[in-house]
Amino acid sequence: QVQLIESGGGLVQAGGSLRLSCAASGRPFVNYAMGWFRQAPGAEREFVAALSWSGGSTYYADSVKGRFTVSRDNAETTVYLQMNNLKPEDTAVYYCAARGHYCTGAACYTRSRYYDYWGQGTQVTVSS
């Protein structure tokens, strides 16, 4: 079992920045691929960013490329999402997710069904 706790959300003006953190506990963090998803009111949960267990492979949704950066610190068992140049359309609840089973292909990182554990989410609100 893995427990994930997100933090760092809040209210920010358009053009501003936030850094989300996801602290993991439980099984060895280094074995898990990690992802960030978000869900806006009335919308489905969508992929934002993900990275492999080593951090050597990263994946981003087209809507956040060039603005968001995902990273991890395996020593601190934490994954981060640095969000710059935020837009009102980035407003959503952001969820951290972990995948512990072997899986190949980009879909393993970008599709929510491949993840085994989820955090409770943190609200990000971007005002115009």
C-alpha atoms as a PDB file:
ATOM      1  CA  GLN A   1       0.000   0.000   0.000  1.00  0.00           C
ATOM      2  CA  VAL A   2       1.133   3.525  -0.822  1.00  0.00           C
ATOM      3  CA  GLN A   3      -0.238   6.700   0.698  1.00  0.00           C
ATOM      4  CA  LEU A   4      -0.044   9.915  -1.290  1.00  0.00           C
ATOM      5  CA  ILE A   5      -0.608  13.380   0.141  1.00  0.00           C
ATOM      6  CA  GLU A   6      -0.687  16.424  -2.116  1.00  0.00           C
ATOM      7  CA  SER A   7       0.003  19.976  -0.997  1.00  0.00           C
ATOM      8  CA  GLY A   8       0.811  23.350  -2.462  1.00  0.00           C
ATOM      9  CA  GLY A   9      -2.476  24.245  -4.083  1.00  0.00           C
ATOM     10  CA  GLY A  10      -4.089  27.621  -3.696  1.00  0.00           C
ATOM     11  CA  LEU A  11      -5.369  30.751  -5.380  1.00  0.00           C
ATOM     12  CA  VAL A  12      -3.103  32.550  -7.832  1.00  0.00           C
ATOM     13  CA  GLN A  13      -3.542  35.183 -10.513  1.00  0.00           C
ATOM     14  CA  ALA A  14      -3.132  34.352 -14.157  1.00  0.00           C
ATOM     15  CA  GLY A  15       0.534  34.374 -15.095  1.00  0.00           C
ATOM     16  CA  GLY A  16       1.578  33.303 -11.626  1.00  0.00           C
ATOM     17  CA  SER A  17       3.235  30.129 -10.399  1.00  0.00           C
ATOM     18  CA  LEU A  18       2.607  27.336  -7.930  1.00  0.00           C
ATOM     19  CA  ARG A  19       4.538  24.234  -6.977  1.00  0.00           C
ATOM     20  CA  LEU A  20       2.565  21.171  -5.988  1.00  0.00           C
ATOM     21  CA  SER A  21       4.135  18.461  -3.868  1.00  0.00           C
ATOM     22  CA  CYS A  22       3.098  14.858  -3.421  1.00  0.00           C
ATOM     23  CA  ALA A  23       4.576  13.056  -0.435  1.00  0.00           C
ATOM     24  CA  ALA A  24       4.533   9.277  -0.629  1.00  0.00           C
ATOM     25  CA  SER A  25       4.753   6.747   2.163  1.00  0.00           C
ATOM     26  CA  GLY A  26       4.464   2.997   2.292  1.00  0.00           C
ATOM     27  CA  ARG A  27       6.217   0.761  -0.203  1.00  0.00           C
ATOM     28  CA  PRO A  28       9.569   1.847  -1.668  1.00  0.00           C
ATOM     29  CA  PHE A  29       8.860   5.005  -3.586  1.00  0.00           C
ATOM     30  CA  VAL A  30      11.691   4.409  -6.016  1.00  0.00           C
ATOM     31  CA  ASN A  31       9.771   1.561  -7.632  1.00  0.00           C
ATOM     32  CA  TYR A  32       6.832   3.680  -8.711  1.00  0.00           C
ATOM     33  CA  ALA A  33       6.065   5.707 -11.786  1.00  0.00           C
ATOM     34  CA  MET A  34       4.282   8.881 -10.750  1.00  0.00           C
ATOM     35  CA  GLY A  35       1.683  11.019 -12.439  1.00  0.00           C
ATOM     36  CA  TRP A  36      -0.363  14.178 -12.001  1.00  0.00           C
ATOM     37  CA  PHE A  37      -3.951  14.455 -13.161  1.00  0.00           C
ATOM     38  CA  ARG A  38      -6.543  17.163 -12.738  1.00  0.00           C
ATOM     39  CA  GLN A  39     -10.284  17.463 -12.715  1.00  0.00           C
ATOM     40  CA  ALA A  40     -12.243  20.648 -13.263  1.00  0.00           C
ATOM     41  CA  PRO A  41     -15.887  20.983 -12.168  1.00  0.00           C
ATOM     42  CA  GLY A  42     -18.162  19.106 -14.522  1.00  0.00           C
ATOM     43  CA  ALA A  43     -15.236  17.655 -16.464  1.00  0.00           C
ATOM     44  CA  GLU A  44     -13.529  14.290 -16.573  1.00  0.00           C
ATOM     45  CA  ARG A  45     -10.197  13.715 -14.907  1.00  0.00           C
ATOM     46  CA  GLU A  46      -7.407  14.468 -17.358  1.00  0.00           C
ATOM     47  CA  PHE A  47      -3.724  13.733 -17.576  1.00  0.00           C
ATOM     48  CA  VAL A  48      -1.285  16.536 -16.783  1.00  0.00           C
ATOM     49  CA  ALA A  49       2.228  15.120 -16.408  1.00  0.00           C
ATOM     50  CA  ALA A  50       4.092  11.966 -15.420  1.00  0.00           C
ATOM     51  CA  LEU A  51       7.550  10.579 -14.997  1.00  0.00           C
ATOM     52  CA  SER A  52       9.247   7.217 -14.736  1.00  0.00           C
ATOM     53  CA  TRP A  53      10.653   5.756 -11.536  1.00  0.00           C
ATOM     54  CA  SER A  54      14.078   7.176 -12.350  1.00  0.00           C
ATOM     55  CA  GLY A  55      12.763  10.498 -13.604  1.00  0.00           C
ATOM     56  CA  GLY A  56      14.518   9.830 -16.888  1.00  0.00           C
ATOM     57  CA  SER A  57      11.306   9.785 -18.907  1.00  0.00           C
ATOM     58  CA  THR A  58       8.710  12.523 -18.632  1.00  0.00           C
ATOM     59  CA  TYR A  59       5.342  13.019 -20.260  1.00  0.00           C
ATOM     60  CA  TYR A  60       3.178  16.127 -20.530  1.00  0.00           C
ATOM     61  CA  ALA A  61      -0.254  17.013 -21.793  1.00  0.00           C
ATOM     62  CA  ASP A  62      -0.071  19.370 -24.760  1.00  0.00           C
ATOM     63  CA  SER A  63      -1.953  22.007 -22.777  1.00  0.00           C
ATOM     64  CA  VAL A  64       0.829  22.297 -20.191  1.00  0.00           C
ATOM     65  CA  LYS A  65       3.979  21.699 -22.229  1.00  0.00           C
ATOM     66  CA  GLY A  66       6.490  24.477 -21.727  1.00  0.00           C
ATOM     67  CA  ARG A  67       4.696  25.739 -18.609  1.00  0.00           C
ATOM     68  CA  PHE A  68       4.699  22.774 -16.198  1.00  0.00           C
ATOM     69  CA  THR A  69       7.632  20.669 -15.040  1.00  0.00           C
ATOM     70  CA  VAL A  70       7.360  17.354 -13.198  1.00  0.00           C
ATOM     71  CA  SER A  71      10.216  16.081 -11.069  1.00  0.00           C
ATOM     72  CA  ARG A  72      10.876  13.703  -8.221  1.00  0.00           C
ATOM     73  CA  ASP A  73      13.199  13.344  -5.289  1.00  0.00           C
ATOM     74  CA  ASN A  74      13.459   9.667  -4.469  1.00  0.00           C
ATOM     75  CA  ALA A  75      15.436  10.376  -1.312  1.00  0.00           C
ATOM     76  CA  GLU A  76      12.597  12.550  -0.057  1.00  0.00           C
ATOM     77  CA  THR A  77       9.925  10.251  -1.566  1.00  0.00           C
ATOM     78  CA  THR A  78       8.266  13.291  -3.082  1.00  0.00           C
ATOM     79  CA  VAL A  79       7.146  14.229  -6.562  1.00  0.00           C
ATOM     80  CA  TYR A  80       6.682  17.836  -7.621  1.00  0.00           C
ATOM     81  CA  LEU A  81       4.739  19.717 -10.249  1.00  0.00           C
ATOM     82  CA  GLN A  82       6.097  23.179 -10.946  1.00  0.00           C
ATOM     83  CA  MET A  83       3.418  25.223 -12.668  1.00  0.00           C
ATOM     84  CA  ASN A  84       4.370  28.495 -14.330  1.00  0.00           C
ATOM     85  CA  ASN A  85       2.410  30.986 -16.398  1.00  0.00           C
ATOM     86  CA  LEU A  86      -0.821  29.653 -14.984  1.00  0.00           C
ATOM     87  CA  LYS A  87      -4.052  30.254 -16.871  1.00  0.00           C
ATOM     88  CA  PRO A  88      -7.662  30.299 -15.670  1.00  0.00           C
ATOM     89  CA  GLU A  89      -8.232  27.051 -17.570  1.00  0.00           C
ATOM     90  CA  ASP A  90      -5.708  25.362 -15.263  1.00  0.00           C
ATOM     91  CA  THR A  91      -8.214  25.688 -12.428  1.00  0.00           C
ATOM     92  CA  ALA A  92      -8.961  22.199 -11.121  1.00  0.00           C
ATOM     93  CA  VAL A  93      -8.363  19.737  -8.350  1.00  0.00           C
ATOM     94  CA  TYR A  94      -4.930  18.214  -8.935  1.00  0.00           C
ATOM     95  CA  TYR A  95      -4.309  14.588  -8.037  1.00  0.00           C
ATOM     96  CA  CYS A  96      -1.085  12.700  -7.590  1.00  0.00           C
ATOM     97  CA  ALA A  97      -0.996   9.045  -8.628  1.00  0.00           C
ATOM     98  CA  ALA A  98       1.435   6.145  -8.369  1.00  0.00           C
ATOM     99  CA  ARG A  99       1.866   3.057 -10.535  1.00  0.00           C
ATOM    100  CA  GLY A 100       3.737   0.147  -9.042  1.00  0.00           C
ATOM    101  CA  HIS A 101       3.215  -2.543 -11.635  1.00  0.00           C
ATOM    102  CA  TYR A 102       5.260  -3.069 -14.785  1.00  0.00           C
ATOM    103  CA  CYS A 103       3.778  -1.465 -17.860  1.00  0.00           C
ATOM    104  CA  THR A 104       5.256  -0.335 -21.167  1.00  0.00           C
ATOM    105  CA  GLY A 105       4.216   2.433 -23.490  1.00  0.00           C
ATOM    106  CA  ALA A 106       3.200   6.035 -23.079  1.00  0.00           C
ATOM    107  CA  ALA A 107      -0.383   5.099 -22.242  1.00  0.00           C
ATOM    108  CA  CYS A 108       0.881   3.556 -19.027  1.00  0.00           C
ATOM    109  CA  TYR A 109       1.772   7.062 -17.923  1.00  0.00           C
ATOM    110  CA  THR A 110      -1.037   9.094 -19.457  1.00  0.00           C
ATOM    111  CA  ARG A 111      -4.107   6.938 -18.763  1.00  0.00           C
ATOM    112  CA  SER A 112      -5.556   7.064 -15.252  1.00  0.00           C
ATOM    113  CA  ARG A 113      -6.643   3.434 -15.305  1.00  0.00           C
ATOM    114  CA  TYR A 114      -3.026   2.255 -15.179  1.00  0.00           C
ATOM    115  CA  TYR A 115      -2.363   3.890 -11.815  1.00  0.00           C
ATOM    116  CA  ASP A 116      -2.714   1.954  -8.595  1.00  0.00           C
ATOM    117  CA  TYR A 117      -2.842   4.632  -5.905  1.00  0.00           C
ATOM    118  CA  TRP A 118      -4.265   8.139  -5.701  1.00  0.00           C
ATOM    119  CA  GLY A 119      -3.993  11.094  -3.379  1.00  0.00           C
ATOM    120  CA  GLN A 120      -6.930  13.100  -2.103  1.00  0.00           C
ATOM    121  CA  GLY A 121      -6.264  16.067  -4.371  1.00  0.00           C
ATOM    122  CA  THR A 122      -5.365  19.719  -3.901  1.00  0.00           C
ATOM    123  CA  GLN A 123      -7.323  22.648  -5.305  1.00  0.00           C
ATOM    124  CA  VAL A 124      -5.677  25.064  -7.729  1.00  0.00           C
ATOM    125  CA  THR A 125      -7.621  28.174  -8.648  1.00  0.00           C
ATOM    126  CA  VAL A 126      -6.319  30.662 -11.198  1.00  0.00           C
ATOM    127  CA  SER A 127      -8.075  34.002 -11.382  1.00  0.00           C
ATOM    128  CA  SER A 128      -8.142  36.124 -14.512  1.00  0.00           C
END
